[in-house]
Amino acid sequence: MMKAAVVRSFDRGPQYEAFEVPQPNSPHEAIVDVLAAGLHHYVRAQANGSHYSSRGKNGLPLIPGIDGVGRLSDGKLIYFVAPDTSIGTMAEKTIVDLRRSVVLPEGADSVRIAAAMNPAMSSWVALRRRILLEPGQKVLVLGATGSSGQMAVQIAKQLGASHVIAAGRDQERLESLKELGADSTVSIAGDLADAASRLGEAASEVDVVVDFLWGKPTELTILPLLMKRSDRSRALTWIQIGSIAGAEAVIPSAALRSANFQLIGSGQGSVTPAGYLAEFPALIDTILAGKLQVNAVPSPLSKLEEVWDAPVAAGQRIVFVPGDN
């Protein structure tokens, strides 16, 4: 037996309890000792059954967690993504598909990697796999004050964006993004229609929008932004990544007819597992080189029931580590 975070009902958070150690089912699988596993937005949605990948009650009991850092029996330190099963990474041990893992340099900061990879991967893959961000292009990050949004600002600059506009509700957090590479900021606090108008004025000439919000903010912003463009035939790609502000948005038909406007999504399913795996080494090198700031907060897995729903500061990422202290 081992200790793990276990979800037995979507009506309550995971509980710290004993669970049978999973066993490999194929030659590609191995047991790994988990050293660090990040509490990401995806993981919270996974644990309450609201994520689009959820199998509902058929997937219970569930050990949440989608990625982590662990050590194999041969001593290798690896970063890995959990297989698509009900056995995730928030446990003392888990199953790793070796085809979905990469070896880390000995001494690598496992907590930093576990904190950064998931929020960074969303925009990294979007800007390298769903599109190829070209040096000199301008980028708007919509929803820039969350962990993933802050990473997106930094990654856009790392990948060669000439100008990054950060948009969010918290003015203090927006100001702090200038230290991370944002060239300008736009507050979207207050009336959404007014905020959409401000975005239309400030971001009309961007080439790419990285959208973590969706919902009404996106619905109201698309047309004002497109109509203000000096040349509507110049391509604008809108990449939908998150839906913090709502799962649905009404897209005006005029947006698709009156401008060179492309709307795509980026996430699990839109990029192959092999595509994600191919991006791991470069992103890991970027993180370990200190080129992406991350505020990792380690917490014992045994304290998960206290920490799971506790508020965290903007940009912080809880990382569960084994043990009681």
C-alpha atoms as a PDB file:
ATOM      1  CA  MET A   1       0.000   0.000   0.000  1.00  0.00           C
ATOM      2  CA  MET A   2       0.956   3.655  -0.421  1.00  0.00           C
ATOM      3  CA  LYS A   3      -0.458   7.041   0.581  1.00  0.00           C
ATOM      4  CA  ALA A   4      -2.237   9.079  -2.088  1.00  0.00           C
ATOM      5  CA  ALA A   5      -4.762  11.809  -2.782  1.00  0.00           C
ATOM      6  CA  VAL A   6      -7.941   9.886  -3.601  1.00  0.00           C
ATOM      7  CA  VAL A   7     -11.192  11.191  -5.091  1.00  0.00           C
ATOM      8  CA  ARG A   8     -14.136   8.887  -4.428  1.00  0.00           C
ATOM      9  CA  SER A   9     -16.870  11.437  -5.086  1.00  0.00           C
ATOM     10  CA  PHE A  10     -16.929  14.658  -7.108  1.00  0.00           C
ATOM     11  CA  ASP A  11     -18.904  16.248  -4.252  1.00  0.00           C
ATOM     12  CA  ARG A  12     -15.830  16.539  -2.049  1.00  0.00           C
ATOM     13  CA  GLY A  13     -12.140  17.139  -2.491  1.00  0.00           C
ATOM     14  CA  PRO A  14      -9.517  14.404  -2.502  1.00  0.00           C
ATOM     15  CA  GLN A  15      -8.671  12.670   0.764  1.00  0.00           C
ATOM     16  CA  TYR A  16      -5.248  11.546   1.966  1.00  0.00           C
ATOM     17  CA  GLU A  17      -5.549   7.801   2.421  1.00  0.00           C
ATOM     18  CA  ALA A  18      -3.981   4.426   1.801  1.00  0.00           C
ATOM     19  CA  PHE A  19      -4.272   3.074  -1.731  1.00  0.00           C
ATOM     20  CA  GLU A  20      -2.963  -0.018  -3.449  1.00  0.00           C
ATOM     21  CA  VAL A  21       0.269   0.520  -5.352  1.00  0.00           C
ATOM     22  CA  PRO A  22      -0.548   0.374  -9.096  1.00  0.00           C
ATOM     23  CA  GLN A  23       1.191  -2.183 -11.252  1.00  0.00           C
ATOM     24  CA  PRO A  24       2.552  -1.814 -14.798  1.00  0.00           C
ATOM     25  CA  ASN A  25       0.424  -3.330 -17.569  1.00  0.00           C
ATOM     26  CA  SER A  26       2.864  -3.120 -20.468  1.00  0.00           C
ATOM     27  CA  PRO A  27       6.598  -3.191 -21.217  1.00  0.00           C
ATOM     28  CA  HIS A  28       6.465   0.581 -21.692  1.00  0.00           C
ATOM     29  CA  GLU A  29       5.320   1.197 -18.109  1.00  0.00           C
ATOM     30  CA  ALA A  30       7.210   1.373 -14.835  1.00  0.00           C
ATOM     31  CA  ILE A  31       6.603   2.309 -11.224  1.00  0.00           C
ATOM     32  CA  VAL A  32       8.076   5.660 -10.258  1.00  0.00           C
ATOM     33  CA  ASP A  33       8.624   7.217  -6.832  1.00  0.00           C
ATOM     34  CA  VAL A  34       6.929  10.613  -7.084  1.00  0.00           C
ATOM     35  CA  LEU A  35       9.069  13.506  -5.866  1.00  0.00           C
ATOM     36  CA  ALA A  36       6.854  16.450  -6.857  1.00  0.00           C
ATOM     37  CA  ALA A  37       3.430  16.971  -8.464  1.00  0.00           C
ATOM     38  CA  GLY A  38       1.881  20.352  -9.225  1.00  0.00           C
ATOM     39  CA  LEU A  39      -1.637  21.402  -8.239  1.00  0.00           C
ATOM     40  CA  HIS A  40      -2.698  22.892 -11.582  1.00  0.00           C
ATOM     41  CA  HIS A  41      -6.084  24.284 -12.670  1.00  0.00           C
ATOM     42  CA  TYR A  42      -6.458  21.194 -14.842  1.00  0.00           C
ATOM     43  CA  VAL A  43      -5.962  18.995 -11.767  1.00  0.00           C
ATOM     44  CA  ARG A  44      -8.621  20.815  -9.752  1.00  0.00           C
ATOM     45  CA  ALA A  45     -11.076  20.382 -12.646  1.00  0.00           C
ATOM     46  CA  GLN A  46     -10.033  16.750 -12.981  1.00  0.00           C
ATOM     47  CA  ALA A  47     -10.765  16.168  -9.281  1.00  0.00           C
ATOM     48  CA  ASN A  48     -14.252  17.742  -9.358  1.00  0.00           C
ATOM     49  CA  GLY A  49     -15.262  16.109 -12.642  1.00  0.00           C
ATOM     50  CA  SER A  50     -15.613  19.355 -14.604  1.00  0.00           C
ATOM     51  CA  HIS A  51     -12.691  18.954 -17.016  1.00  0.00           C
ATOM     52  CA  TYR A  52     -13.635  18.091 -20.597  1.00  0.00           C
ATOM     53  CA  SER A  53     -11.528  14.932 -20.408  1.00  0.00           C
ATOM     54  CA  SER A  54     -13.398  13.587 -17.375  1.00  0.00           C
ATOM     55  CA  ARG A  55     -14.909  10.105 -17.595  1.00  0.00           C
ATOM     56  CA  GLY A  56     -17.387  11.004 -14.877  1.00  0.00           C
ATOM     57  CA  LYS A  57     -18.223   8.482 -12.172  1.00  0.00           C
ATOM     58  CA  ASN A  58     -16.810   5.721 -14.371  1.00  0.00           C
ATOM     59  CA  GLY A  59     -13.390   7.152 -13.612  1.00  0.00           C
ATOM     60  CA  LEU A  60     -13.720   6.864  -9.823  1.00  0.00           C
ATOM     61  CA  PRO A  61     -11.874   6.272  -7.593  1.00  0.00           C
ATOM     62  CA  LEU A  62      -9.375   8.736  -8.997  1.00  0.00           C
ATOM     63  CA  ILE A  63      -5.904   9.812  -7.990  1.00  0.00           C
ATOM     64  CA  PRO A  64      -5.610  13.314  -9.492  1.00  0.00           C
ATOM     65  CA  GLY A  65      -2.457  14.770 -10.996  1.00  0.00           C
ATOM     66  CA  ILE A  66      -1.390  15.010 -14.610  1.00  0.00           C
ATOM     67  CA  ASP A  67       2.378  15.354 -14.440  1.00  0.00           C
ATOM     68  CA  GLY A  68       5.275  15.234 -12.047  1.00  0.00           C
ATOM     69  CA  VAL A  69       8.892  14.567 -11.318  1.00  0.00           C
ATOM     70  CA  GLY A  70       9.938  11.150 -10.065  1.00  0.00           C
ATOM     71  CA  ARG A  71      12.742   8.661  -9.704  1.00  0.00           C
ATOM     72  CA  LEU A  72      12.822   5.297 -11.424  1.00  0.00           C
ATOM     73  CA  SER A  73      14.178   2.122  -9.846  1.00  0.00           C
ATOM     74  CA  ASP A  74      17.430   2.564 -11.797  1.00  0.00           C
ATOM     75  CA  GLY A  75      17.931   5.968 -10.168  1.00  0.00           C
ATOM     76  CA  LYS A  76      17.070   8.136 -13.162  1.00  0.00           C
ATOM     77  CA  LEU A  77      15.321  11.416 -12.419  1.00  0.00           C
ATOM     78  CA  ILE A  78      12.484  12.044 -14.889  1.00  0.00           C
ATOM     79  CA  TYR A  79       9.748  14.483 -15.745  1.00  0.00           C
ATOM     80  CA  PHE A  80       6.652  12.613 -16.891  1.00  0.00           C
ATOM     81  CA  VAL A  81       3.053  13.050 -17.939  1.00  0.00           C
ATOM     82  CA  ALA A  82       0.579  10.631 -16.383  1.00  0.00           C
ATOM     83  CA  PRO A  83      -1.080   8.011 -18.599  1.00  0.00           C
ATOM     84  CA  ASP A  84      -4.744   8.614 -19.464  1.00  0.00           C
ATOM     85  CA  THR A  85      -6.043   6.529 -16.568  1.00  0.00           C
ATOM     86  CA  SER A  86      -7.512   7.121 -13.135  1.00  0.00           C
ATOM     87  CA  ILE A  87      -4.071   6.794 -11.551  1.00  0.00           C
ATOM     88  CA  GLY A  88      -2.491  10.235 -11.465  1.00  0.00           C
ATOM     89  CA  THR A  89       0.603  11.698  -9.896  1.00  0.00           C
ATOM     90  CA  MET A  90      -0.524  12.826  -6.425  1.00  0.00           C
ATOM     91  CA  ALA A  91       0.698   9.724  -4.657  1.00  0.00           C
ATOM     92  CA  GLU A  92       3.880   8.320  -3.207  1.00  0.00           C
ATOM     93  CA  LYS A  93       4.167   6.070  -6.256  1.00  0.00           C
ATOM     94  CA  THR A  94       2.504   5.976  -9.650  1.00  0.00           C
ATOM     95  CA  ILE A  95       2.751   4.407 -13.076  1.00  0.00           C
ATOM     96  CA  VAL A  96       4.728   6.165 -15.776  1.00  0.00           C
ATOM     97  CA  ASP A  97       4.598   5.439 -19.476  1.00  0.00           C
ATOM     98  CA  LEU A  98       8.261   5.781 -20.323  1.00  0.00           C
ATOM     99  CA  ARG A  99       7.321   7.010 -23.784  1.00  0.00           C
ATOM    100  CA  ARG A 100       5.808  10.096 -22.116  1.00  0.00           C
ATOM    101  CA  SER A 101       8.824  10.992 -19.998  1.00  0.00           C
ATOM    102  CA  VAL A 102      12.204  12.655 -20.338  1.00  0.00           C
ATOM    103  CA  VAL A 103      15.319  12.222 -18.207  1.00  0.00           C
ATOM    104  CA  LEU A 104      16.296  15.257 -16.146  1.00  0.00           C
ATOM    105  CA  PRO A 105      19.843  16.217 -15.184  1.00  0.00           C
ATOM    106  CA  GLU A 106      20.771  14.963 -11.726  1.00  0.00           C
ATOM    107  CA  GLY A 107      20.264  17.746  -9.216  1.00  0.00           C
ATOM    108  CA  ALA A 108      17.497  19.432 -11.204  1.00  0.00           C
ATOM    109  CA  ASP A 109      15.009  21.308  -9.013  1.00  0.00           C
ATOM    110  CA  SER A 110      12.080  18.875  -9.043  1.00  0.00           C
ATOM    111  CA  VAL A 111       9.682  21.299  -7.333  1.00  0.00           C
ATOM    112  CA  ARG A 112      10.439  24.064  -9.832  1.00  0.00           C
ATOM    113  CA  ILE A 113       9.939  21.724 -12.787  1.00  0.00           C
ATOM    114  CA  ALA A 114       6.674  20.347 -11.361  1.00  0.00           C
ATOM    115  CA  ALA A 115       5.380  23.867 -10.742  1.00  0.00           C
ATOM    116  CA  ALA A 116       6.313  25.338 -14.109  1.00  0.00           C
ATOM    117  CA  MET A 117       5.838  22.711 -16.779  1.00  0.00           C
ATOM    118  CA  ASN A 118       2.037  22.586 -16.957  1.00  0.00           C
ATOM    119  CA  PRO A 119       1.285  26.336 -16.913  1.00  0.00           C
ATOM    120  CA  ALA A 120       4.204  26.975 -19.270  1.00  0.00           C
ATOM    121  CA  MET A 121       3.376  24.112 -21.614  1.00  0.00           C
ATOM    122  CA  SER A 122      -0.022  25.558 -22.567  1.00  0.00           C
ATOM    123  CA  SER A 123       1.370  28.640 -24.312  1.00  0.00           C
ATOM    124  CA  TRP A 124       4.704  27.048 -25.282  1.00  0.00           C
ATOM    125  CA  VAL A 125       2.946  24.339 -27.291  1.00  0.00           C
ATOM    126  CA  ALA A 126       0.346  26.774 -28.640  1.00  0.00           C
ATOM    127  CA  LEU A 127       3.048  29.078 -30.011  1.00  0.00           C
ATOM    128  CA  ARG A 128       5.293  26.293 -31.336  1.00  0.00           C
ATOM    129  CA  ARG A 129       2.879  23.559 -32.397  1.00  0.00           C
ATOM    130  CA  ARG A 130      -0.551  25.057 -33.108  1.00  0.00           C
ATOM    131  CA  ILE A 131       1.119  28.009 -34.826  1.00  0.00           C
ATOM    132  CA  LEU A 132       4.756  28.987 -35.238  1.00  0.00           C
ATOM    133  CA  LEU A 133       5.224  32.398 -33.685  1.00  0.00           C
ATOM    134  CA  GLU A 134       7.453  34.380 -35.979  1.00  0.00           C
ATOM    135  CA  PRO A 135      10.106  36.746 -34.601  1.00  0.00           C
ATOM    136  CA  GLY A 136       8.804  40.289 -34.514  1.00  0.00           C
ATOM    137  CA  GLN A 137       5.116  39.423 -34.246  1.00  0.00           C
ATOM    138  CA  LYS A 138       2.919  41.139 -31.669  1.00  0.00           C
ATOM    139  CA  VAL A 139       0.991  39.142 -29.070  1.00  0.00           C
ATOM    140  CA  LEU A 140      -1.956  39.860 -26.773  1.00  0.00           C
ATOM    141  CA  VAL A 141      -2.252  37.650 -23.687  1.00  0.00           C
ATOM    142  CA  LEU A 142      -5.869  37.741 -22.535  1.00  0.00           C
ATOM    143  CA  GLY A 143      -5.993  36.686 -18.900  1.00  0.00           C
ATOM    144  CA  ALA A 144      -2.360  37.465 -18.188  1.00  0.00           C
ATOM    145  CA  THR A 145      -2.493  37.702 -14.398  1.00  0.00           C
ATOM    146  CA  GLY A 146      -2.945  33.986 -13.692  1.00  0.00           C
ATOM    147  CA  SER A 147      -0.069  31.515 -13.526  1.00  0.00           C
ATOM    148  CA  SER A 148      -0.483  30.360 -17.127  1.00  0.00           C
ATOM    149  CA  GLY A 149      -0.962  33.919 -18.358  1.00  0.00           C
ATOM    150  CA  GLN A 150       2.188  35.123 -16.628  1.00  0.00           C
ATOM    151  CA  MET A 151       4.083  32.256 -18.230  1.00  0.00           C
ATOM    152  CA  ALA A 152       2.595  33.143 -21.626  1.00  0.00           C
ATOM    153  CA  VAL A 153       3.911  36.710 -21.372  1.00  0.00           C
ATOM    154  CA  GLN A 154       7.413  35.429 -20.679  1.00  0.00           C
ATOM    155  CA  ILE A 155       7.276  32.692 -23.312  1.00  0.00           C
ATOM    156  CA  ALA A 156       6.043  35.023 -26.049  1.00  0.00           C
ATOM    157  CA  LYS A 157       9.067  37.233 -25.421  1.00  0.00           C
ATOM    158  CA  GLN A 158      11.392  34.225 -25.254  1.00  0.00           C
ATOM    159  CA  LEU A 159      10.095  33.074 -28.636  1.00  0.00           C
ATOM    160  CA  GLY A 160      10.748  36.430 -30.281  1.00  0.00           C
ATOM    161  CA  ALA A 161       7.607  38.548 -29.949  1.00  0.00           C
ATOM    162  CA  SER A 162       8.444  42.197 -30.517  1.00  0.00           C
ATOM    163  CA  HIS A 163       5.586  43.500 -28.393  1.00  0.00           C
ATOM    164  CA  VAL A 164       3.504  41.683 -25.764  1.00  0.00           C
ATOM    165  CA  ILE A 165       0.305  43.208 -24.397  1.00  0.00           C
ATOM    166  CA  ALA A 166      -0.875  41.775 -21.068  1.00  0.00           C
ATOM    167  CA  ALA A 167      -4.596  42.098 -20.276  1.00  0.00           C
ATOM    168  CA  GLY A 168      -6.200  41.249 -16.951  1.00  0.00           C
ATOM    169  CA  ARG A 169      -8.389  42.522 -14.147  1.00  0.00           C
ATOM    170  CA  ASP A 170      -5.890  43.133 -11.341  1.00  0.00           C
ATOM    171  CA  GLN A 171      -4.000  46.364 -11.977  1.00  0.00           C
ATOM    172  CA  GLU A 172      -1.276  45.668  -9.416  1.00  0.00           C
ATOM    173  CA  ARG A 173      -0.565  42.269 -10.957  1.00  0.00           C
ATOM    174  CA  LEU A 174      -0.626  43.782 -14.425  1.00  0.00           C
ATOM    175  CA  GLU A 175       2.051  46.270 -13.436  1.00  0.00           C
ATOM    176  CA  SER A 176       4.248  43.471 -12.126  1.00  0.00           C
ATOM    177  CA  LEU A 177       4.101  41.781 -15.538  1.00  0.00           C
ATOM    178  CA  LYS A 178       6.242  44.543 -17.007  1.00  0.00           C
ATOM    179  CA  GLU A 179       9.131  43.016 -15.081  1.00  0.00           C
ATOM    180  CA  LEU A 180       8.410  39.691 -16.818  1.00  0.00           C
ATOM    181  CA  GLY A 181       8.458  41.101 -20.327  1.00  0.00           C
ATOM    182  CA  ALA A 182       5.093  42.769 -20.938  1.00  0.00           C
ATOM    183  CA  ASP A 183       5.591  45.862 -23.095  1.00  0.00           C
ATOM    184  CA  SER A 184       2.181  47.283 -22.236  1.00  0.00           C
ATOM    185  CA  THR A 185      -0.872  46.381 -20.177  1.00  0.00           C
ATOM    186  CA  VAL A 186      -4.631  46.799 -20.449  1.00  0.00           C
ATOM    187  CA  SER A 187      -7.008  46.585 -17.510  1.00  0.00           C
ATOM    188  CA  ILE A 188     -10.220  44.686 -18.226  1.00  0.00           C
ATOM    189  CA  ALA A 189     -11.717  45.421 -14.811  1.00  0.00           C
ATOM    190  CA  GLY A 190     -15.182  46.932 -14.600  1.00  0.00           C
ATOM    191  CA  ASP A 191     -17.774  46.936 -17.373  1.00  0.00           C
ATOM    192  CA  LEU A 192     -16.954  44.263 -19.947  1.00  0.00           C
ATOM    193  CA  ALA A 193     -18.094  46.332 -22.924  1.00  0.00           C
ATOM    194  CA  ASP A 194     -15.832  49.186 -21.843  1.00  0.00           C
ATOM    195  CA  ALA A 195     -12.977  46.748 -21.356  1.00  0.00           C
ATOM    196  CA  ALA A 196     -13.564  45.325 -24.851  1.00  0.00           C
ATOM    197  CA  SER A 197     -13.372  48.814 -26.278  1.00  0.00           C
ATOM    198  CA  ARG A 198     -10.059  49.447 -24.492  1.00  0.00           C
ATOM    199  CA  LEU A 199      -8.673  46.209 -25.851  1.00  0.00           C
ATOM    200  CA  GLY A 200      -9.812  47.130 -29.345  1.00  0.00           C
ATOM    201  CA  GLU A 201      -7.858  50.368 -29.132  1.00  0.00           C
ATOM    202  CA  ALA A 202      -4.737  48.911 -27.541  1.00  0.00           C
ATOM    203  CA  ALA A 203      -4.393  45.563 -29.317  1.00  0.00           C
ATOM    204  CA  SER A 204      -5.801  46.138 -32.795  1.00  0.00           C
ATOM    205  CA  GLU A 205      -2.462  45.518 -34.498  1.00  0.00           C
ATOM    206  CA  VAL A 206      -1.478  42.259 -32.789  1.00  0.00           C
ATOM    207  CA  ASP A 207      -0.802  39.150 -34.842  1.00  0.00           C
ATOM    208  CA  VAL A 208      -1.702  36.577 -32.184  1.00  0.00           C
ATOM    209  CA  VAL A 209      -4.083  36.457 -29.226  1.00  0.00           C
ATOM    210  CA  VAL A 210      -3.401  33.886 -26.496  1.00  0.00           C
ATOM    211  CA  ASP A 211      -6.746  33.554 -24.710  1.00  0.00           C
ATOM    212  CA  PHE A 212      -7.067  32.056 -21.230  1.00  0.00           C
ATOM    213  CA  LEU A 213     -10.468  33.672 -20.528  1.00  0.00           C
ATOM    214  CA  TRP A 214     -13.036  32.851 -23.238  1.00  0.00           C
ATOM    215  CA  GLY A 215     -16.673  33.506 -22.263  1.00  0.00           C
ATOM    216  CA  LYS A 216     -18.052  37.057 -22.378  1.00  0.00           C
ATOM    217  CA  PRO A 217     -14.684  38.856 -22.432  1.00  0.00           C
ATOM    218  CA  THR A 218     -13.760  37.103 -25.678  1.00  0.00           C
ATOM    219  CA  GLU A 219     -17.231  37.409 -27.139  1.00  0.00           C
ATOM    220  CA  LEU A 220     -17.261  41.168 -26.630  1.00  0.00           C
ATOM    221  CA  THR A 221     -13.631  41.799 -27.627  1.00  0.00           C
ATOM    222  CA  ILE A 222     -13.313  40.073 -31.011  1.00  0.00           C
ATOM    223  CA  LEU A 223     -15.210  42.589 -33.145  1.00  0.00           C
ATOM    224  CA  PRO A 224     -13.855  45.801 -31.545  1.00  0.00           C
ATOM    225  CA  LEU A 225     -10.326  44.457 -32.006  1.00  0.00           C
ATOM    226  CA  LEU A 226     -10.868  43.384 -35.620  1.00  0.00           C
ATOM    227  CA  MET A 227     -12.698  46.553 -36.661  1.00  0.00           C
ATOM    228  CA  LYS A 228      -9.856  48.749 -35.393  1.00  0.00           C
ATOM    229  CA  ARG A 229      -7.183  46.999 -37.464  1.00  0.00           C
ATOM    230  CA  SER A 230      -5.494  49.217 -40.028  1.00  0.00           C
ATOM    231  CA  ASP A 231      -5.502  46.323 -42.492  1.00  0.00           C
ATOM    232  CA  ARG A 232      -8.145  43.687 -41.852  1.00  0.00           C
ATOM    233  CA  SER A 233      -6.625  41.428 -44.497  1.00  0.00           C
ATOM    234  CA  ARG A 234      -3.532  40.984 -42.324  1.00  0.00           C
ATOM    235  CA  ALA A 235      -3.792  37.676 -40.496  1.00  0.00           C
ATOM    236  CA  LEU A 236      -4.870  37.494 -36.865  1.00  0.00           C
ATOM    237  CA  THR A 237      -4.767  34.127 -35.095  1.00  0.00           C
ATOM    238  CA  TRP A 238      -6.781  33.753 -31.916  1.00  0.00           C
ATOM    239  CA  ILE A 239      -5.667  30.760 -29.819  1.00  0.00           C
ATOM    240  CA  GLN A 240      -8.206  29.538 -27.280  1.00  0.00           C
ATOM    241  CA  ILE A 241      -6.415  27.836 -24.367  1.00  0.00           C
ATOM    242  CA  GLY A 242      -8.442  28.388 -21.205  1.00  0.00           C
ATOM    243  CA  SER A 243     -12.000  29.180 -20.206  1.00  0.00           C
ATOM    244  CA  ILE A 244     -11.708  30.884 -16.830  1.00  0.00           C
ATOM    245  CA  ALA A 245     -14.468  33.369 -17.722  1.00  0.00           C
ATOM    246  CA  GLY A 246     -16.859  30.821 -19.227  1.00  0.00           C
ATOM    247  CA  ALA A 247     -16.991  27.687 -21.341  1.00  0.00           C
ATOM    248  CA  GLU A 248     -19.019  29.283 -24.145  1.00  0.00           C
ATOM    249  CA  ALA A 249     -18.663  32.396 -26.281  1.00  0.00           C
ATOM    250  CA  VAL A 250     -20.830  33.579 -29.181  1.00  0.00           C
ATOM    251  CA  ILE A 251     -18.604  34.318 -32.179  1.00  0.00           C
ATOM    252  CA  PRO A 252     -20.117  36.926 -34.542  1.00  0.00           C
ATOM    253  CA  SER A 253     -20.248  35.671 -38.123  1.00  0.00           C
ATOM    254  CA  ALA A 254     -18.923  39.055 -39.252  1.00  0.00           C
ATOM    255  CA  ALA A 255     -15.654  38.291 -37.483  1.00  0.00           C
ATOM    256  CA  LEU A 256     -15.049  35.363 -39.815  1.00  0.00           C
ATOM    257  CA  ARG A 257     -16.079  37.171 -43.000  1.00  0.00           C
ATOM    258  CA  SER A 258     -14.816  40.714 -42.593  1.00  0.00           C
ATOM    259  CA  ALA A 259     -11.218  40.008 -41.579  1.00  0.00           C
ATOM    260  CA  ASN A 260      -8.426  37.522 -42.046  1.00  0.00           C
ATOM    261  CA  PHE A 261      -9.295  35.950 -38.718  1.00  0.00           C
ATOM    262  CA  GLN A 262      -8.405  32.433 -37.624  1.00  0.00           C
ATOM    263  CA  LEU A 263      -9.747  30.888 -34.424  1.00  0.00           C
ATOM    264  CA  ILE A 264      -8.046  27.731 -33.135  1.00  0.00           C
ATOM    265  CA  GLY A 265      -7.734  25.874 -29.869  1.00  0.00           C
ATOM    266  CA  SER A 266      -4.744  24.366 -28.134  1.00  0.00           C
ATOM    267  CA  GLY A 267      -4.908  21.630 -25.550  1.00  0.00           C
ATOM    268  CA  GLN A 268      -5.143  17.925 -24.957  1.00  0.00           C
ATOM    269  CA  GLY A 269      -6.234  16.331 -28.220  1.00  0.00           C
ATOM    270  CA  SER A 270      -5.358  19.191 -30.556  1.00  0.00           C
ATOM    271  CA  VAL A 271      -1.668  18.306 -30.260  1.00  0.00           C
ATOM    272  CA  THR A 272      -0.480  14.706 -30.341  1.00  0.00           C
ATOM    273  CA  PRO A 273       1.279  13.182 -27.310  1.00  0.00           C
ATOM    274  CA  ALA A 274       4.381  12.913 -29.502  1.00  0.00           C
ATOM    275  CA  GLY A 275       4.117  16.630 -30.252  1.00  0.00           C
ATOM    276  CA  TYR A 276       4.044  17.472 -26.550  1.00  0.00           C
ATOM    277  CA  LEU A 277       6.918  15.108 -25.799  1.00  0.00           C
ATOM    278  CA  ALA A 278       9.046  16.715 -28.501  1.00  0.00           C
ATOM    279  CA  GLU A 279       8.685  20.084 -26.740  1.00  0.00           C
ATOM    280  CA  PHE A 280       9.639  18.862 -23.248  1.00  0.00           C
ATOM    281  CA  PRO A 281      13.455  19.129 -23.535  1.00  0.00           C
ATOM    282  CA  ALA A 282      13.566  22.698 -24.830  1.00  0.00           C
ATOM    283  CA  LEU A 283      11.031  23.905 -22.266  1.00  0.00           C
ATOM    284  CA  ILE A 284      12.801  22.103 -19.422  1.00  0.00           C
ATOM    285  CA  ASP A 285      16.112  23.684 -20.462  1.00  0.00           C
ATOM    286  CA  THR A 286      14.435  27.104 -20.492  1.00  0.00           C
ATOM    287  CA  ILE A 287      13.024  26.574 -16.985  1.00  0.00           C
ATOM    288  CA  LEU A 288      16.250  25.215 -15.513  1.00  0.00           C
ATOM    289  CA  ALA A 289      18.196  28.097 -17.068  1.00  0.00           C
ATOM    290  CA  GLY A 290      16.056  30.520 -15.045  1.00  0.00           C
ATOM    291  CA  LYS A 291      14.549  32.158 -18.124  1.00  0.00           C
ATOM    292  CA  LEU A 292      11.003  31.683 -16.808  1.00  0.00           C
ATOM    293  CA  GLN A 293      10.104  32.945 -13.365  1.00  0.00           C
ATOM    294  CA  VAL A 294       7.969  30.578 -11.299  1.00  0.00           C
ATOM    295  CA  ASN A 295       6.757  30.882  -7.720  1.00  0.00           C
ATOM    296  CA  ALA A 296       6.673  27.277  -6.522  1.00  0.00           C
ATOM    297  CA  VAL A 297       5.246  26.570  -3.055  1.00  0.00           C
ATOM    298  CA  PRO A 298       6.035  23.037  -1.834  1.00  0.00           C
ATOM    299  CA  SER A 299       3.564  21.336   0.494  1.00  0.00           C
ATOM    300  CA  PRO A 300       3.555  17.848   2.029  1.00  0.00           C
ATOM    301  CA  LEU A 301       1.089  15.536   0.304  1.00  0.00           C
ATOM    302  CA  SER A 302      -0.272  14.684   3.759  1.00  0.00           C
ATOM    303  CA  LYS A 303      -1.515  18.310   4.057  1.00  0.00           C
ATOM    304  CA  LEU A 304      -3.488  18.225   0.816  1.00  0.00           C
ATOM    305  CA  GLU A 305      -6.904  18.460   2.493  1.00  0.00           C
ATOM    306  CA  GLU A 306      -5.835  21.736   4.149  1.00  0.00           C
ATOM    307  CA  VAL A 307      -4.202  23.167   1.048  1.00  0.00           C
ATOM    308  CA  TRP A 308      -6.489  22.014  -1.781  1.00  0.00           C
ATOM    309  CA  ASP A 309      -8.985  24.885  -1.666  1.00  0.00           C
ATOM    310  CA  ALA A 310      -6.876  27.416   0.212  1.00  0.00           C
ATOM    311  CA  PRO A 311      -6.317  30.714  -1.636  1.00  0.00           C
ATOM    312  CA  VAL A 312      -2.894  31.307  -3.153  1.00  0.00           C
ATOM    313  CA  ALA A 313      -1.272  34.488  -4.350  1.00  0.00           C
ATOM    314  CA  ALA A 314      -1.232  35.280  -8.037  1.00  0.00           C
ATOM    315  CA  GLY A 315       1.451  33.333  -9.824  1.00  0.00           C
ATOM    316  CA  GLN A 316       1.984  30.848  -7.014  1.00  0.00           C
ATOM    317  CA  ARG A 317       1.780  27.154  -7.783  1.00  0.00           C
ATOM    318  CA  ILE A 318       1.312  24.558  -5.030  1.00  0.00           C
ATOM    319  CA  VAL A 319       3.530  21.507  -5.485  1.00  0.00           C
ATOM    320  CA  PHE A 320       2.855  18.390  -3.432  1.00  0.00           C
ATOM    321  CA  VAL A 321       5.872  16.447  -2.231  1.00  0.00           C
ATOM    322  CA  PRO A 322       5.841  13.091  -0.416  1.00  0.00           C
ATOM    323  CA  GLY A 323       6.079  12.838   3.353  1.00  0.00           C
ATOM    324  CA  ASP A 324       4.445  14.476   6.329  1.00  0.00           C
ATOM    325  CA  ASN A 325       6.742  17.475   6.854  1.00  0.00           C
END
